[in-house]
């Protein structure tokens, strides 16, 4: 709920903001190792949590605009 702005993030607010920016940029500023991890996380989100992944993409698109 926190990631989708539907609940309190508490101490995770900064992490959520950073994660959303990374998704919006498709990890453009990541090191090669970070990019590998990002790709694995995205793959797992797509396979196991598709509705959450889709919602996260929509939120990231809003940031880019």
C-alpha atoms as a PDB file:
ATOM      1  CA  UNK A   1       0.000   0.000   0.000  1.00  0.00           C
ATOM      2  CA  UNK A   2       2.845   2.381   0.785  1.00  0.00           C
ATOM      3  CA  UNK A   3       4.344   2.129  -2.705  1.00  0.00           C
ATOM      4  CA  UNK A   4       1.017   3.033  -4.281  1.00  0.00           C
ATOM      5  CA  UNK A   5       0.382   5.967  -1.895  1.00  0.00           C
ATOM      6  CA  UNK A   6      -2.483   4.092  -0.236  1.00  0.00           C
ATOM      7  CA  UNK A   7      -0.871   3.791   3.169  1.00  0.00           C
ATOM      8  CA  UNK A   8       1.730   5.184   5.522  1.00  0.00           C
ATOM      9  CA  UNK A   9       5.328   4.401   4.570  1.00  0.00           C
ATOM     10  CA  UNK A  10       6.813   5.267   7.931  1.00  0.00           C
ATOM     11  CA  UNK A  11      10.592   4.970   7.740  1.00  0.00           C
ATOM     12  CA  UNK A  12      10.427   3.566   4.210  1.00  0.00           C
ATOM     13  CA  UNK A  13       9.295   6.788   2.514  1.00  0.00           C
ATOM     14  CA  UNK A  14      12.770   7.655   1.163  1.00  0.00           C
ATOM     15  CA  UNK A  15      13.270   4.095  -0.093  1.00  0.00           C
ATOM     16  CA  UNK A  16       9.905   4.162  -1.865  1.00  0.00           C
ATOM     17  CA  UNK A  17      10.667   7.509  -3.520  1.00  0.00           C
ATOM     18  CA  UNK A  18      14.069   6.277  -4.689  1.00  0.00           C
ATOM     19  CA  UNK A  19      12.625   2.989  -5.968  1.00  0.00           C
ATOM     20  CA  UNK A  20       9.974   4.814  -7.972  1.00  0.00           C
ATOM     21  CA  UNK A  21      12.627   7.042  -9.566  1.00  0.00           C
ATOM     22  CA  UNK A  22      14.756   4.001 -10.444  1.00  0.00           C
ATOM     23  CA  UNK A  23      11.769   2.339 -12.121  1.00  0.00           C
ATOM     24  CA  UNK A  24      10.909   5.567 -13.964  1.00  0.00           C
ATOM     25  CA  UNK A  25      14.455   5.791 -15.364  1.00  0.00           C
ATOM     26  CA  UNK A  26      14.719   2.028 -15.921  1.00  0.00           C
ATOM     27  CA  UNK A  27      17.817   2.080 -13.734  1.00  0.00           C
ATOM     28  CA  UNK A  28      19.620   4.429 -16.144  1.00  0.00           C
ATOM     29  CA  UNK A  29      22.155   5.572 -13.531  1.00  0.00           C
ATOM     30  CA  UNK A  30      22.781   2.105 -12.104  1.00  0.00           C
ATOM     31  CA  UNK A  31      26.086   0.282 -12.183  1.00  0.00           C
ATOM     32  CA  UNK A  32      26.180  -2.925 -14.247  1.00  0.00           C
ATOM     33  CA  UNK A  33      25.734  -4.993 -11.074  1.00  0.00           C
ATOM     34  CA  UNK A  34      22.818  -2.849  -9.885  1.00  0.00           C
ATOM     35  CA  UNK A  35      21.227  -3.174 -13.341  1.00  0.00           C
ATOM     36  CA  UNK A  36      21.406  -6.984 -13.116  1.00  0.00           C
ATOM     37  CA  UNK A  37      19.669  -6.875  -9.738  1.00  0.00           C
ATOM     38  CA  UNK A  38      17.089  -4.410 -11.068  1.00  0.00           C
ATOM     39  CA  UNK A  39      16.355  -6.687 -14.040  1.00  0.00           C
ATOM     40  CA  UNK A  40      15.853  -9.692 -11.729  1.00  0.00           C
ATOM     41  CA  UNK A  41      13.542  -7.738  -9.424  1.00  0.00           C
ATOM     42  CA  UNK A  42      11.478  -6.475 -12.368  1.00  0.00           C
ATOM     43  CA  UNK A  43      11.232 -10.009 -13.757  1.00  0.00           C
ATOM     44  CA  UNK A  44       9.984 -11.339 -10.410  1.00  0.00           C
ATOM     45  CA  UNK A  45       7.472  -8.497 -10.075  1.00  0.00           C
ATOM     46  CA  UNK A  46       6.140  -9.201 -13.568  1.00  0.00           C
ATOM     47  CA  UNK A  47       5.823 -12.939 -12.917  1.00  0.00           C
ATOM     48  CA  UNK A  48       4.539 -13.007  -9.348  1.00  0.00           C
ATOM     49  CA  UNK A  49       2.998  -9.596  -8.678  1.00  0.00           C
ATOM     50  CA  UNK A  50       1.808  -8.362 -12.081  1.00  0.00           C
ATOM     51  CA  UNK A  51      -0.940  -6.029 -10.745  1.00  0.00           C
ATOM     52  CA  UNK A  52       1.550  -4.351  -8.398  1.00  0.00           C
ATOM     53  CA  UNK A  53       4.118  -4.084 -11.190  1.00  0.00           C
ATOM     54  CA  UNK A  54       1.577  -2.497 -13.542  1.00  0.00           C
ATOM     55  CA  UNK A  55       0.525   0.008 -10.880  1.00  0.00           C
ATOM     56  CA  UNK A  56       4.164   0.833 -10.141  1.00  0.00           C
ATOM     57  CA  UNK A  57       4.812   1.482 -13.829  1.00  0.00           C
ATOM     58  CA  UNK A  58       1.856   3.866 -13.960  1.00  0.00           C
ATOM     59  CA  UNK A  59       3.190   5.730 -10.937  1.00  0.00           C
ATOM     60  CA  UNK A  60       6.663   5.899 -12.503  1.00  0.00           C
ATOM     61  CA  UNK A  61       5.192   7.256 -15.753  1.00  0.00           C
ATOM     62  CA  UNK A  62       3.501  10.044 -13.789  1.00  0.00           C
ATOM     63  CA  UNK A  63       6.890  11.015 -12.337  1.00  0.00           C
ATOM     64  CA  UNK A  64       8.461  11.264 -15.798  1.00  0.00           C
ATOM     65  CA  UNK A  65       5.791  13.723 -16.959  1.00  0.00           C
END
